């Protein structure tokens, strides 16, 4: 019995440890990470990590996701204040929506490669969009200081794709349920989720493999 208990506890610790390397708790503080090359602040490494119950640490199926219809209808703005709604997805076969935070080291570490993927797949029916989730205050209103920080970090990391602010629409439709960053969704041209949702950062090669598979599946329909 002791061996069983030890083994189970060890497995849980290994799962949490693995997730800690790739994700941060979404309910973090407003401490900012800074990035020059690949360096981030130590504050990002101290954020709480949450592990979902009865889920693998990285994925959940679209059918089981409370956020499955999150992006089908919404009004928001980008970091520059330009209006954005669900029609932003219309021109592409799939869109990768990466939800990140300015304090999250794993988020910032993968953004340079997301910037590269954005350019490499631009003519293949794929786009990448970011949502810096900590750009609002405790009342759900835009926080200009945080918006400025997010814009600076996006520029510094080469993640020069569109970044959308978490509007009241997106929050009420399920964005407030995000409990770890980065969390990534893929949606079709109408904003419907396709495939799984992913919690945690991944390598460029891993993301490319996922994108290629989802793109082939959508084009086959």
N, C-alpha and C. Protein backbone atom coordinates (compact mmCIF):
# COMPACT_ATOMS: atom_id res chain seq x y z
N UNK A 1 0.84 -1.21 0.00
CA UNK A 1 0.00 0.00 0.00
C UNK A 1 0.87 1.26 0.00
N UNK A 2 1.96 1.21 0.77
CA UNK A 2 2.84 2.36 0.81
C UNK A 2 3.47 2.61 -0.55
N UNK A 3 3.81 1.52 -1.25
CA UNK A 3 4.41 1.67 -2.57
C UNK A 3 3.44 2.31 -3.53
N UNK A 4 2.16 1.89 -3.47
CA UNK A 4 1.14 2.47 -4.33
C UNK A 4 0.97 3.95 -4.06
N UNK A 5 0.88 4.31 -2.78
CA UNK A 5 0.72 5.71 -2.42
C UNK A 5 1.90 6.54 -2.88
N UNK A 6 3.10 6.00 -2.68
CA UNK A 6 4.29 6.73 -3.10
C UNK A 6 4.32 6.92 -4.61
N UNK A 7 3.96 5.86 -5.32
CA UNK A 7 4.00 5.94 -6.78
C UNK A 7 3.01 6.94 -7.31
N UNK A 8 1.80 6.95 -6.72
CA UNK A 8 0.78 7.89 -7.16
C UNK A 8 1.20 9.32 -6.87
N UNK A 9 1.75 9.54 -5.66
CA UNK A 9 2.19 10.88 -5.31
C UNK A 9 3.33 11.35 -6.19
N UNK A 10 4.24 10.43 -6.49
CA UNK A 10 5.36 10.79 -7.37
C UNK A 10 4.88 11.18 -8.74
N UNK A 11 3.89 10.44 -9.28
CA UNK A 11 3.36 10.74 -10.60
C UNK A 11 2.73 12.12 -10.63
N UNK A 12 1.96 12.45 -9.60
CA UNK A 12 1.32 13.77 -9.53
C UNK A 12 2.38 14.86 -9.49
N UNK A 13 3.43 14.66 -8.69
CA UNK A 13 4.49 15.65 -8.61
C UNK A 13 5.20 15.82 -9.94
N UNK A 14 5.42 14.73 -10.65
CA UNK A 14 6.05 14.80 -11.96
C UNK A 14 5.19 15.56 -12.95
N UNK A 15 3.86 15.33 -12.91
CA UNK A 15 2.94 16.02 -13.80
C UNK A 15 2.94 17.51 -13.51
N UNK A 16 2.89 17.86 -12.24
CA UNK A 16 2.89 19.27 -11.86
C UNK A 16 4.22 19.92 -12.22
N UNK A 17 5.31 19.20 -11.98
CA UNK A 17 6.62 19.74 -12.32
C UNK A 17 6.76 19.99 -13.80
N UNK A 18 6.25 19.06 -14.61
CA UNK A 18 6.30 19.22 -16.06
C UNK A 18 5.49 20.42 -16.50
N UNK A 19 4.32 20.60 -15.94
CA UNK A 19 3.47 21.73 -16.29
C UNK A 19 4.09 23.05 -15.85
N UNK A 20 4.76 23.04 -14.72
CA UNK A 20 5.37 24.27 -14.21
C UNK A 20 6.40 24.83 -15.16
N UNK A 21 7.01 23.97 -15.96
CA UNK A 21 8.00 24.43 -16.91
C UNK A 21 7.37 25.11 -18.11
N UNK A 22 6.07 24.90 -18.32
CA UNK A 22 5.43 25.39 -19.54
C UNK A 22 4.27 26.33 -19.31
N UNK A 23 3.80 26.53 -18.07
CA UNK A 23 2.61 27.35 -17.85
C UNK A 23 2.70 28.10 -16.53
N UNK A 24 1.90 29.18 -16.44
CA UNK A 24 1.79 29.98 -15.22
C UNK A 24 0.32 30.07 -14.83
N UNK A 25 0.05 30.29 -13.55
CA UNK A 25 -1.32 30.52 -13.12
C UNK A 25 -1.86 31.78 -13.75
N UNK A 26 -3.09 31.72 -14.27
CA UNK A 26 -3.66 32.89 -14.93
C UNK A 26 -4.01 33.99 -13.96
N UNK A 27 -4.28 33.64 -12.69
CA UNK A 27 -4.64 34.65 -11.69
C UNK A 27 -3.39 35.19 -11.03
N UNK A 28 -2.43 35.63 -11.84
CA UNK A 28 -1.17 36.11 -11.31
C UNK A 28 -1.22 37.56 -10.93
N UNK A 29 -0.10 38.08 -10.46
CA UNK A 29 -0.01 39.49 -10.13
C UNK A 29 0.31 40.28 -11.38
N UNK A 30 0.41 41.58 -11.23
CA UNK A 30 0.72 42.44 -12.38
C UNK A 30 2.22 42.62 -12.55
N UNK A 31 3.04 41.78 -11.86
CA UNK A 31 4.49 41.86 -12.05
C UNK A 31 4.81 41.56 -13.50
N UNK A 32 5.62 42.40 -14.14
CA UNK A 32 5.91 42.20 -15.54
C UNK A 32 7.20 41.41 -15.74
N UNK A 33 7.17 40.52 -16.76
CA UNK A 33 8.39 39.90 -17.22
C UNK A 33 8.95 40.77 -18.32
N UNK A 34 10.27 40.84 -18.43
CA UNK A 34 10.88 41.56 -19.53
C UNK A 34 11.69 40.58 -20.33
N UNK A 35 11.82 40.83 -21.61
CA UNK A 35 12.49 39.87 -22.46
C UNK A 35 13.43 40.59 -23.41
N UNK A 36 14.69 40.25 -23.37
CA UNK A 36 15.64 40.69 -24.35
C UNK A 36 16.33 39.44 -24.81
N UNK A 37 16.13 39.02 -26.06
CA UNK A 37 16.57 37.70 -26.48
C UNK A 37 15.63 36.67 -25.91
N UNK A 38 16.10 35.88 -24.91
CA UNK A 38 15.24 34.86 -24.32
C UNK A 38 15.14 35.01 -22.81
N UNK A 39 15.59 36.12 -22.24
CA UNK A 39 15.55 36.30 -20.79
C UNK A 39 14.22 36.86 -20.34
N UNK A 40 13.74 36.38 -19.19
CA UNK A 40 12.52 36.92 -18.59
C UNK A 40 12.79 37.15 -17.12
N UNK A 41 11.93 37.93 -16.46
CA UNK A 41 12.15 38.24 -15.05
C UNK A 41 11.89 37.03 -14.18
N UNK A 42 12.50 37.01 -12.99
CA UNK A 42 12.31 35.90 -12.06
C UNK A 42 10.90 35.84 -11.55
N UNK A 43 10.18 36.96 -11.59
CA UNK A 43 8.79 36.97 -11.09
C UNK A 43 7.94 35.98 -11.84
N UNK A 44 8.18 35.81 -13.13
CA UNK A 44 7.37 34.91 -13.94
C UNK A 44 7.52 33.47 -13.49
N UNK A 45 8.69 33.12 -13.00
CA UNK A 45 8.94 31.73 -12.62
C UNK A 45 8.27 31.37 -11.31
N UNK A 46 7.83 32.38 -10.55
CA UNK A 46 7.24 32.13 -9.24
C UNK A 46 5.73 32.05 -9.26
N UNK A 47 5.11 32.20 -10.44
CA UNK A 47 3.66 32.19 -10.50
C UNK A 47 3.09 30.81 -10.16
N UNK A 48 1.93 30.80 -9.54
CA UNK A 48 1.26 29.56 -9.18
C UNK A 48 0.84 28.81 -10.42
N UNK A 49 0.98 27.50 -10.41
CA UNK A 49 0.56 26.66 -11.52
C UNK A 49 -0.64 25.84 -11.09
N UNK A 50 -1.67 25.79 -11.92
CA UNK A 50 -2.87 25.03 -11.62
C UNK A 50 -2.94 23.81 -12.51
N UNK A 51 -3.35 22.68 -11.97
CA UNK A 51 -3.51 21.46 -12.73
C UNK A 51 -4.97 21.11 -12.80
N UNK A 52 -5.55 20.89 -14.00
CA UNK A 52 -6.96 20.59 -14.12
C UNK A 52 -7.30 19.23 -13.55
N UNK A 53 -8.48 19.10 -13.00
CA UNK A 53 -8.94 17.82 -12.49
C UNK A 53 -9.41 16.94 -13.63
N UNK A 54 -9.03 15.63 -13.54
CA UNK A 54 -9.48 14.64 -14.50
C UNK A 54 -9.13 15.02 -15.94
N UNK A 55 -8.05 15.75 -16.15
CA UNK A 55 -7.59 16.10 -17.50
C UNK A 55 -6.12 15.77 -17.60
N UNK A 56 -5.61 15.59 -18.80
CA UNK A 56 -4.17 15.54 -18.96
C UNK A 56 -3.66 16.95 -18.73
N UNK A 57 -2.39 17.13 -18.37
CA UNK A 57 -1.91 18.47 -18.04
C UNK A 57 -1.83 19.41 -19.23
N UNK A 58 -1.95 18.92 -20.46
CA UNK A 58 -1.74 19.80 -21.60
C UNK A 58 -2.97 20.01 -22.46
N UNK A 59 -3.90 19.07 -22.48
CA UNK A 59 -4.98 19.18 -23.44
C UNK A 59 -6.34 18.90 -22.86
N UNK A 60 -7.36 19.40 -23.54
CA UNK A 60 -8.75 19.06 -23.27
C UNK A 60 -9.45 19.04 -24.60
N UNK A 61 -10.44 18.19 -24.76
CA UNK A 61 -11.10 18.09 -26.05
C UNK A 61 -12.05 19.24 -26.27
N UNK A 62 -12.27 19.58 -27.54
CA UNK A 62 -13.15 20.68 -27.87
C UNK A 62 -14.56 20.42 -27.39
N UNK A 63 -15.01 19.18 -27.47
CA UNK A 63 -16.38 18.86 -27.08
C UNK A 63 -16.64 19.07 -25.60
N UNK A 64 -15.60 18.89 -24.79
CA UNK A 64 -15.76 19.03 -23.35
C UNK A 64 -15.46 20.44 -22.86
N UNK A 65 -14.99 21.29 -23.74
CA UNK A 65 -14.56 22.62 -23.32
C UNK A 65 -15.71 23.58 -23.15
N UNK A 66 -15.71 24.29 -22.00
CA UNK A 66 -16.74 25.31 -21.77
C UNK A 66 -16.53 26.50 -22.68
N UNK A 67 -15.33 26.59 -23.27
CA UNK A 67 -15.00 27.72 -24.13
C UNK A 67 -15.18 27.40 -25.62
N UNK A 68 -15.85 26.30 -25.96
CA UNK A 68 -15.95 25.87 -27.36
C UNK A 68 -16.54 26.94 -28.26
N UNK A 69 -17.47 27.77 -27.74
CA UNK A 69 -18.07 28.83 -28.55
C UNK A 69 -17.55 30.21 -28.21
N UNK A 70 -16.39 30.26 -27.57
CA UNK A 70 -15.84 31.51 -27.07
C UNK A 70 -15.64 32.56 -28.14
N UNK A 71 -15.23 32.15 -29.34
CA UNK A 71 -14.83 33.11 -30.36
C UNK A 71 -15.81 33.23 -31.53
N UNK A 72 -17.00 32.67 -31.39
CA UNK A 72 -17.95 32.71 -32.51
C UNK A 72 -18.64 34.05 -32.67
N UNK A 73 -18.69 34.84 -31.61
CA UNK A 73 -19.31 36.17 -31.69
C UNK A 73 -18.79 37.04 -30.55
N UNK A 74 -18.12 38.13 -30.90
CA UNK A 74 -17.59 39.02 -29.87
C UNK A 74 -17.21 40.36 -30.48
N UNK A 75 -17.10 41.35 -29.63
CA UNK A 75 -16.57 42.66 -30.00
C UNK A 75 -15.42 42.97 -29.05
N UNK A 76 -14.31 43.42 -29.61
CA UNK A 76 -13.14 43.73 -28.81
C UNK A 76 -12.30 44.77 -29.55
N UNK A 77 -11.14 45.07 -29.02
CA UNK A 77 -10.18 45.95 -29.70
C UNK A 77 -8.81 45.29 -29.62
N UNK A 78 -7.92 45.71 -30.53
CA UNK A 78 -6.55 45.22 -30.46
C UNK A 78 -5.72 46.16 -29.59
N UNK A 79 -4.42 45.90 -29.49
CA UNK A 79 -3.56 46.69 -28.62
C UNK A 79 -3.50 48.16 -29.03
N UNK A 80 -3.82 48.45 -30.30
CA UNK A 80 -3.79 49.83 -30.79
C UNK A 80 -5.15 50.50 -30.72
N UNK A 81 -6.15 49.79 -30.21
CA UNK A 81 -7.48 50.36 -30.08
C UNK A 81 -8.37 50.15 -31.29
N UNK A 82 -7.92 49.39 -32.28
CA UNK A 82 -8.74 49.12 -33.47
C UNK A 82 -9.80 48.07 -33.16
N UNK A 83 -11.03 48.26 -33.65
CA UNK A 83 -12.09 47.29 -33.37
C UNK A 83 -11.81 45.93 -34.01
N UNK A 84 -12.16 44.87 -33.29
CA UNK A 84 -11.97 43.50 -33.75
C UNK A 84 -13.22 42.71 -33.38
N UNK A 85 -13.70 41.87 -34.29
CA UNK A 85 -14.77 40.94 -33.95
C UNK A 85 -14.48 39.60 -34.62
N UNK A 86 -15.47 38.71 -34.60
CA UNK A 86 -15.27 37.34 -35.09
C UNK A 86 -14.91 37.27 -36.57
N UNK A 87 -15.15 38.34 -37.32
CA UNK A 87 -14.82 38.32 -38.75
C UNK A 87 -13.31 38.30 -38.99
N UNK A 88 -12.52 38.51 -37.96
CA UNK A 88 -11.07 38.45 -38.11
C UNK A 88 -10.61 37.06 -38.53
N UNK A 89 -11.46 36.05 -38.26
CA UNK A 89 -11.10 34.68 -38.60
C UNK A 89 -11.48 34.30 -40.03
N UNK A 90 -12.32 35.10 -40.68
CA UNK A 90 -12.95 34.71 -41.93
C UNK A 90 -11.98 34.41 -43.07
N UNK A 91 -10.85 35.09 -43.11
CA UNK A 91 -9.96 34.96 -44.26
C UNK A 91 -9.04 33.74 -44.18
N UNK A 92 -9.00 33.08 -43.04
CA UNK A 92 -8.07 31.96 -42.88
C UNK A 92 -8.80 30.66 -42.57
N UNK A 93 -8.16 29.56 -42.94
CA UNK A 93 -8.74 28.24 -42.69
C UNK A 93 -8.74 27.94 -41.20
N UNK A 94 -7.64 28.19 -40.54
CA UNK A 94 -7.57 28.06 -39.08
C UNK A 94 -6.81 29.23 -38.48
N UNK A 95 -7.16 29.55 -37.26
CA UNK A 95 -6.47 30.60 -36.50
C UNK A 95 -6.03 30.02 -35.16
N UNK A 96 -4.79 30.24 -34.83
CA UNK A 96 -4.26 29.86 -33.53
C UNK A 96 -4.44 31.04 -32.58
N UNK A 97 -5.19 30.84 -31.50
CA UNK A 97 -5.43 31.90 -30.52
C UNK A 97 -4.65 31.57 -29.26
N UNK A 98 -3.63 32.36 -29.00
CA UNK A 98 -2.71 32.12 -27.89
C UNK A 98 -2.99 33.12 -26.77
N UNK A 99 -3.49 32.63 -25.64
CA UNK A 99 -3.80 33.49 -24.50
C UNK A 99 -2.59 33.51 -23.57
N UNK A 100 -2.05 34.72 -23.34
CA UNK A 100 -0.81 34.85 -22.59
C UNK A 100 -0.91 35.97 -21.58
N UNK A 101 0.15 36.16 -20.81
CA UNK A 101 0.19 37.23 -19.81
C UNK A 101 1.59 37.82 -19.76
N UNK A 102 1.66 39.08 -19.38
CA UNK A 102 2.94 39.79 -19.38
C UNK A 102 3.90 39.26 -18.31
N UNK A 103 3.37 38.61 -17.26
CA UNK A 103 4.20 38.09 -16.17
C UNK A 103 4.65 36.66 -16.41
N UNK A 104 4.20 36.05 -17.50
CA UNK A 104 4.38 34.61 -17.70
C UNK A 104 5.62 34.30 -18.52
N UNK A 105 6.65 33.76 -17.87
CA UNK A 105 7.88 33.40 -18.54
C UNK A 105 7.70 32.44 -19.70
N UNK A 106 7.00 31.30 -19.50
CA UNK A 106 6.79 30.37 -20.61
C UNK A 106 6.07 31.01 -21.80
N UNK A 107 5.13 31.93 -21.51
CA UNK A 107 4.44 32.63 -22.60
C UNK A 107 5.43 33.42 -23.43
N UNK A 108 6.25 34.21 -22.76
CA UNK A 108 7.19 35.08 -23.45
C UNK A 108 8.27 34.28 -24.17
N UNK A 109 8.66 33.16 -23.59
CA UNK A 109 9.71 32.35 -24.19
C UNK A 109 9.29 31.72 -25.52
N UNK A 110 7.99 31.42 -25.68
CA UNK A 110 7.56 30.80 -26.93
C UNK A 110 7.13 31.82 -27.98
N UNK A 111 6.95 33.07 -27.58
CA UNK A 111 6.44 34.07 -28.52
C UNK A 111 7.37 34.37 -29.70
N UNK A 112 8.71 34.35 -29.55
CA UNK A 112 9.54 34.55 -30.74
C UNK A 112 9.27 33.51 -31.82
N UNK A 113 9.09 32.25 -31.42
CA UNK A 113 8.82 31.20 -32.40
C UNK A 113 7.39 31.27 -32.94
N UNK A 114 6.46 31.77 -32.12
CA UNK A 114 5.12 32.00 -32.64
C UNK A 114 5.15 33.08 -33.71
N UNK A 115 5.99 34.09 -33.50
CA UNK A 115 6.16 35.13 -34.50
C UNK A 115 6.69 34.55 -35.81
N UNK A 116 7.63 33.62 -35.70
CA UNK A 116 8.18 32.97 -36.89
C UNK A 116 7.11 32.14 -37.60
N UNK A 117 6.34 31.40 -36.81
CA UNK A 117 5.27 30.58 -37.39
C UNK A 117 4.23 31.44 -38.09
N UNK A 118 3.93 32.59 -37.48
CA UNK A 118 2.95 33.50 -38.08
C UNK A 118 3.38 33.91 -39.48
N UNK A 119 4.65 34.19 -39.66
CA UNK A 119 5.16 34.59 -40.97
C UNK A 119 5.21 33.41 -41.94
N UNK A 120 5.65 32.27 -41.44
CA UNK A 120 5.83 31.10 -42.30
C UNK A 120 4.51 30.52 -42.80
N UNK A 121 3.44 30.69 -42.03
CA UNK A 121 2.15 30.13 -42.41
C UNK A 121 1.18 31.17 -42.96
N UNK A 122 1.63 32.39 -43.11
CA UNK A 122 0.73 33.48 -43.52
C UNK A 122 0.06 33.21 -44.86
N UNK A 123 0.77 32.53 -45.76
CA UNK A 123 0.20 32.27 -47.09
C UNK A 123 -0.35 30.85 -47.22
N UNK A 124 -0.59 30.19 -46.07
CA UNK A 124 -1.10 28.82 -46.08
C UNK A 124 -2.48 28.72 -45.45
N UNK A 125 -3.14 29.87 -45.24
CA UNK A 125 -4.47 29.84 -44.64
C UNK A 125 -4.45 29.73 -43.14
N UNK A 126 -3.36 30.19 -42.52
CA UNK A 126 -3.22 30.11 -41.06
C UNK A 126 -2.78 31.47 -40.53
N UNK A 127 -3.38 31.90 -39.43
CA UNK A 127 -2.93 33.10 -38.74
C UNK A 127 -2.82 32.82 -37.25
N UNK A 128 -2.07 33.67 -36.57
CA UNK A 128 -1.93 33.58 -35.12
C UNK A 128 -2.41 34.88 -34.51
N UNK A 129 -3.18 34.76 -33.44
CA UNK A 129 -3.68 35.91 -32.70
C UNK A 129 -3.36 35.71 -31.22
N UNK A 130 -2.92 36.75 -30.56
CA UNK A 130 -2.65 36.68 -29.14
C UNK A 130 -3.70 37.42 -28.32
N UNK A 131 -3.91 36.97 -27.10
CA UNK A 131 -4.79 37.68 -26.15
C UNK A 131 -4.02 37.85 -24.84
N UNK A 132 -3.45 39.03 -24.58
CA UNK A 132 -2.77 39.27 -23.30
C UNK A 132 -3.82 39.46 -22.20
N UNK A 133 -4.00 38.45 -21.40
CA UNK A 133 -5.16 38.39 -20.52
C UNK A 133 -5.06 39.35 -19.34
N UNK A 134 -3.86 39.84 -19.02
CA UNK A 134 -3.72 40.72 -17.85
C UNK A 134 -3.66 42.20 -18.25
N UNK A 135 -4.34 42.55 -19.33
CA UNK A 135 -4.39 43.95 -19.77
C UNK A 135 -5.66 44.65 -19.30
N UNK A 136 -6.34 44.07 -18.34
CA UNK A 136 -7.52 44.69 -17.74
C UNK A 136 -7.32 44.81 -16.24
N UNK A 137 -8.04 45.75 -15.63
CA UNK A 137 -7.92 45.93 -14.19
C UNK A 137 -8.90 45.01 -13.47
N UNK A 138 -8.99 45.16 -12.15
CA UNK A 138 -9.85 44.28 -11.35
C UNK A 138 -11.33 44.49 -11.63
N UNK A 139 -11.68 45.57 -12.34
CA UNK A 139 -13.07 45.84 -12.71
C UNK A 139 -13.36 45.41 -14.14
N UNK A 140 -12.39 44.77 -14.79
CA UNK A 140 -12.58 44.32 -16.15
C UNK A 140 -12.43 45.40 -17.20
N UNK A 141 -11.87 46.54 -16.80
CA UNK A 141 -11.67 47.65 -17.73
C UNK A 141 -10.23 47.66 -18.24
N UNK A 142 -10.00 48.16 -19.45
CA UNK A 142 -8.65 48.20 -20.01
C UNK A 142 -7.69 48.96 -19.09
N UNK A 143 -6.52 48.38 -18.87
CA UNK A 143 -5.48 49.00 -18.07
C UNK A 143 -4.39 49.47 -19.03
N UNK A 144 -4.32 50.78 -19.25
CA UNK A 144 -3.44 51.30 -20.29
C UNK A 144 -1.97 50.99 -20.02
N UNK A 145 -1.56 51.02 -18.77
CA UNK A 145 -0.17 50.70 -18.44
C UNK A 145 0.16 49.26 -18.84
N UNK A 146 -0.77 48.35 -18.54
CA UNK A 146 -0.57 46.95 -18.92
C UNK A 146 -0.64 46.75 -20.43
N UNK A 147 -1.52 47.52 -21.07
CA UNK A 147 -1.61 47.45 -22.53
C UNK A 147 -0.28 47.88 -23.15
N UNK A 148 0.30 48.94 -22.63
CA UNK A 148 1.59 49.41 -23.13
C UNK A 148 2.68 48.36 -22.92
N UNK A 149 2.64 47.72 -21.75
CA UNK A 149 3.63 46.67 -21.45
C UNK A 149 3.47 45.50 -22.42
N UNK A 150 2.21 45.10 -22.65
CA UNK A 150 1.95 43.99 -23.57
C UNK A 150 2.43 44.31 -24.98
N UNK A 151 2.17 45.53 -25.42
CA UNK A 151 2.60 45.94 -26.76
C UNK A 151 4.12 45.93 -26.87
N UNK A 152 4.79 46.39 -25.82
CA UNK A 152 6.26 46.41 -25.82
C UNK A 152 6.82 44.99 -25.86
N UNK A 153 6.23 44.10 -25.06
CA UNK A 153 6.70 42.72 -25.03
C UNK A 153 6.45 42.01 -26.36
N UNK A 154 5.29 42.26 -26.96
CA UNK A 154 4.99 41.66 -28.26
C UNK A 154 6.02 42.11 -29.29
N UNK A 155 6.39 43.37 -29.24
CA UNK A 155 7.39 43.90 -30.17
C UNK A 155 8.77 43.30 -29.90
N UNK A 156 9.16 43.25 -28.63
CA UNK A 156 10.48 42.74 -28.27
C UNK A 156 10.65 41.27 -28.62
N UNK A 157 9.59 40.50 -28.51
CA UNK A 157 9.69 39.06 -28.78
C UNK A 157 9.47 38.72 -30.25
N UNK A 158 9.14 39.70 -31.07
CA UNK A 158 8.89 39.43 -32.48
C UNK A 158 7.52 38.84 -32.74
N UNK A 159 6.64 38.90 -31.75
CA UNK A 159 5.28 38.39 -31.91
C UNK A 159 4.42 39.50 -32.50
N UNK A 160 4.69 39.84 -33.75
CA UNK A 160 4.08 41.02 -34.36
C UNK A 160 2.77 40.72 -35.08
N UNK A 161 2.07 39.69 -34.61
CA UNK A 161 0.73 39.41 -35.10
C UNK A 161 -0.28 40.19 -34.25
N UNK A 162 -1.55 40.11 -34.59
CA UNK A 162 -2.59 40.85 -33.87
C UNK A 162 -2.76 40.32 -32.45
N UNK A 163 -2.87 41.23 -31.50
CA UNK A 163 -3.16 40.88 -30.11
C UNK A 163 -4.44 41.59 -29.70
N UNK A 164 -5.39 40.82 -29.18
CA UNK A 164 -6.72 41.33 -28.83
C UNK A 164 -6.84 41.48 -27.32
N UNK A 165 -7.44 42.57 -26.90
CA UNK A 165 -7.69 42.76 -25.47
C UNK A 165 -8.86 41.90 -25.02
N UNK A 166 -8.82 41.40 -23.78
CA UNK A 166 -9.92 40.57 -23.26
C UNK A 166 -11.15 41.44 -22.94
N UNK A 167 -12.03 41.58 -23.91
CA UNK A 167 -13.21 42.44 -23.76
C UNK A 167 -14.25 41.79 -22.85
N UNK A 168 -15.27 42.56 -22.50
CA UNK A 168 -16.36 42.03 -21.68
C UNK A 168 -17.05 40.87 -22.39
N UNK A 169 -17.18 40.97 -23.72
CA UNK A 169 -17.77 39.87 -24.49
C UNK A 169 -16.98 38.58 -24.30
N UNK A 170 -15.68 38.67 -24.50
CA UNK A 170 -14.84 37.47 -24.39
C UNK A 170 -14.81 36.94 -22.96
N UNK A 171 -14.79 37.84 -22.00
CA UNK A 171 -14.79 37.40 -20.61
C UNK A 171 -16.09 36.68 -20.26
N UNK A 172 -17.21 37.25 -20.66
CA UNK A 172 -18.51 36.66 -20.31
C UNK A 172 -18.77 35.36 -21.05
N UNK A 173 -18.16 35.20 -22.21
CA UNK A 173 -18.36 33.98 -23.00
C UNK A 173 -17.45 32.84 -22.55
N UNK A 174 -16.56 33.11 -21.61
CA UNK A 174 -15.76 32.02 -21.06
C UNK A 174 -14.30 32.30 -20.82
N UNK A 175 -13.81 33.46 -21.22
CA UNK A 175 -12.39 33.74 -21.05
C UNK A 175 -12.01 33.80 -19.57
N UNK A 176 -12.94 34.17 -18.72
CA UNK A 176 -12.65 34.24 -17.29
C UNK A 176 -12.38 32.85 -16.70
N UNK A 177 -12.73 31.78 -17.43
CA UNK A 177 -12.49 30.43 -16.96
C UNK A 177 -11.05 29.97 -17.18
N UNK A 178 -10.27 30.76 -17.90
CA UNK A 178 -8.88 30.39 -18.13
C UNK A 178 -8.13 30.43 -16.81
N UNK A 179 -7.50 29.32 -16.42
CA UNK A 179 -6.82 29.28 -15.13
C UNK A 179 -5.32 29.10 -15.26
N UNK A 180 -4.80 29.01 -16.47
CA UNK A 180 -3.36 28.93 -16.65
C UNK A 180 -3.00 29.52 -18.00
N UNK A 181 -1.85 30.15 -18.08
CA UNK A 181 -1.36 30.70 -19.33
C UNK A 181 0.05 30.18 -19.58
N UNK A 182 0.43 29.96 -20.86
CA UNK A 182 -0.44 30.16 -22.02
C UNK A 182 -1.46 29.05 -22.18
N UNK A 183 -2.64 29.42 -22.65
CA UNK A 183 -3.65 28.47 -23.11
C UNK A 183 -3.91 28.80 -24.57
N UNK A 184 -3.96 27.78 -25.40
CA UNK A 184 -4.06 28.00 -26.84
C UNK A 184 -5.24 27.23 -27.43
N UNK A 185 -6.00 27.92 -28.28
CA UNK A 185 -7.12 27.33 -29.01
C UNK A 185 -6.85 27.44 -30.49
N UNK A 186 -7.51 26.59 -31.25
CA UNK A 186 -7.53 26.72 -32.71
C UNK A 186 -8.99 26.83 -33.13
N UNK A 187 -9.27 27.77 -34.02
CA UNK A 187 -10.64 27.97 -34.48
C UNK A 187 -10.68 28.00 -36.00
N UNK A 188 -11.87 27.73 -36.55
CA UNK A 188 -12.03 27.78 -38.00
C UNK A 188 -12.40 29.19 -38.45
N UNK A 189 -12.79 29.32 -39.69
CA UNK A 189 -13.06 30.65 -40.26
C UNK A 189 -14.27 31.34 -39.64
N UNK A 190 -15.09 30.58 -38.89
CA UNK A 190 -16.25 31.15 -38.22
C UNK A 190 -16.05 31.30 -36.71
N UNK A 191 -14.86 30.99 -36.25
CA UNK A 191 -14.58 31.12 -34.83
C UNK A 191 -14.93 29.90 -34.00
N UNK A 192 -15.33 28.81 -34.66
CA UNK A 192 -15.64 27.58 -33.94
C UNK A 192 -14.35 26.85 -33.59
N UNK A 193 -14.26 26.35 -32.36
CA UNK A 193 -13.05 25.65 -31.96
C UNK A 193 -12.89 24.35 -32.74
N UNK A 194 -11.66 24.09 -33.16
CA UNK A 194 -11.33 22.83 -33.82
C UNK A 194 -10.20 22.17 -33.03
N UNK A 195 -10.23 20.85 -32.98
CA UNK A 195 -9.19 20.14 -32.24
C UNK A 195 -9.28 20.39 -30.75
N UNK A 196 -8.15 20.27 -30.11
CA UNK A 196 -8.07 20.39 -28.66
C UNK A 196 -7.68 21.80 -28.24
N UNK A 197 -7.84 22.08 -26.95
CA UNK A 197 -7.22 23.27 -26.38
C UNK A 197 -5.95 22.81 -25.69
N UNK A 198 -4.95 23.65 -25.70
CA UNK A 198 -3.65 23.28 -25.17
C UNK A 198 -3.24 24.23 -24.05
N UNK A 199 -2.83 23.66 -22.93
CA UNK A 199 -2.36 24.46 -21.81
C UNK A 199 -0.86 24.26 -21.69
N UNK A 200 -0.11 25.34 -21.74
CA UNK A 200 1.34 25.26 -21.65
C UNK A 200 2.01 25.62 -22.97
N UNK A 201 3.27 26.03 -22.87
CA UNK A 201 4.04 26.40 -24.05
C UNK A 201 4.57 25.16 -24.75
N UNK A 202 4.81 25.30 -26.06
CA UNK A 202 5.36 24.21 -26.86
C UNK A 202 6.48 24.75 -27.75
N UNK A 203 7.25 23.83 -28.29
CA UNK A 203 8.31 24.21 -29.21
C UNK A 203 7.71 24.57 -30.57
N UNK A 204 8.50 25.23 -31.38
CA UNK A 204 8.06 25.58 -32.73
C UNK A 204 7.70 24.34 -33.52
N UNK A 205 8.52 23.29 -33.41
CA UNK A 205 8.27 22.05 -34.14
C UNK A 205 6.96 21.40 -33.72
N UNK A 206 6.69 21.41 -32.42
CA UNK A 206 5.45 20.81 -31.93
C UNK A 206 4.23 21.58 -32.43
N UNK A 207 4.30 22.92 -32.37
CA UNK A 207 3.18 23.72 -32.86
C UNK A 207 2.99 23.53 -34.36
N UNK A 208 4.08 23.46 -35.09
CA UNK A 208 3.99 23.27 -36.54
C UNK A 208 3.30 21.96 -36.88
N UNK A 209 3.61 20.90 -36.13
CA UNK A 209 2.99 19.60 -36.37
C UNK A 209 1.49 19.66 -36.11
N UNK A 210 1.10 20.35 -35.03
CA UNK A 210 -0.33 20.49 -34.70
C UNK A 210 -1.03 21.31 -35.77
N UNK A 211 -0.43 22.41 -36.18
CA UNK A 211 -1.02 23.27 -37.22
C UNK A 211 -1.20 22.50 -38.52
N UNK A 212 -0.17 21.76 -38.93
CA UNK A 212 -0.23 21.00 -40.19
C UNK A 212 -1.37 19.98 -40.16
N UNK A 213 -1.53 19.30 -39.02
CA UNK A 213 -2.59 18.30 -38.91
C UNK A 213 -3.97 18.95 -38.97
N UNK A 214 -4.18 20.02 -38.21
CA UNK A 214 -5.47 20.69 -38.19
C UNK A 214 -5.79 21.31 -39.56
N UNK A 215 -4.79 21.86 -40.19
CA UNK A 215 -4.98 22.45 -41.50
C UNK A 215 -5.41 21.41 -42.53
N UNK A 216 -4.76 20.25 -42.48
CA UNK A 216 -5.12 19.17 -43.41
C UNK A 216 -6.54 18.68 -43.15
N UNK A 217 -6.91 18.57 -41.89
CA UNK A 217 -8.26 18.12 -41.53
C UNK A 217 -9.31 19.10 -42.02
N UNK A 218 -9.06 20.39 -41.82
CA UNK A 218 -10.03 21.41 -42.25
C UNK A 218 -10.14 21.47 -43.76
N UNK A 219 -9.02 21.35 -44.45
CA UNK A 219 -9.04 21.43 -45.91
C UNK A 219 -9.68 20.21 -46.54
N UNK A 220 -9.72 19.11 -45.78
CA UNK A 220 -10.32 17.87 -46.28
C UNK A 220 -11.83 17.87 -46.16
N UNK A 221 -12.37 18.81 -45.41
CA UNK A 221 -13.83 18.86 -45.21
C UNK A 221 -14.54 19.40 -46.44
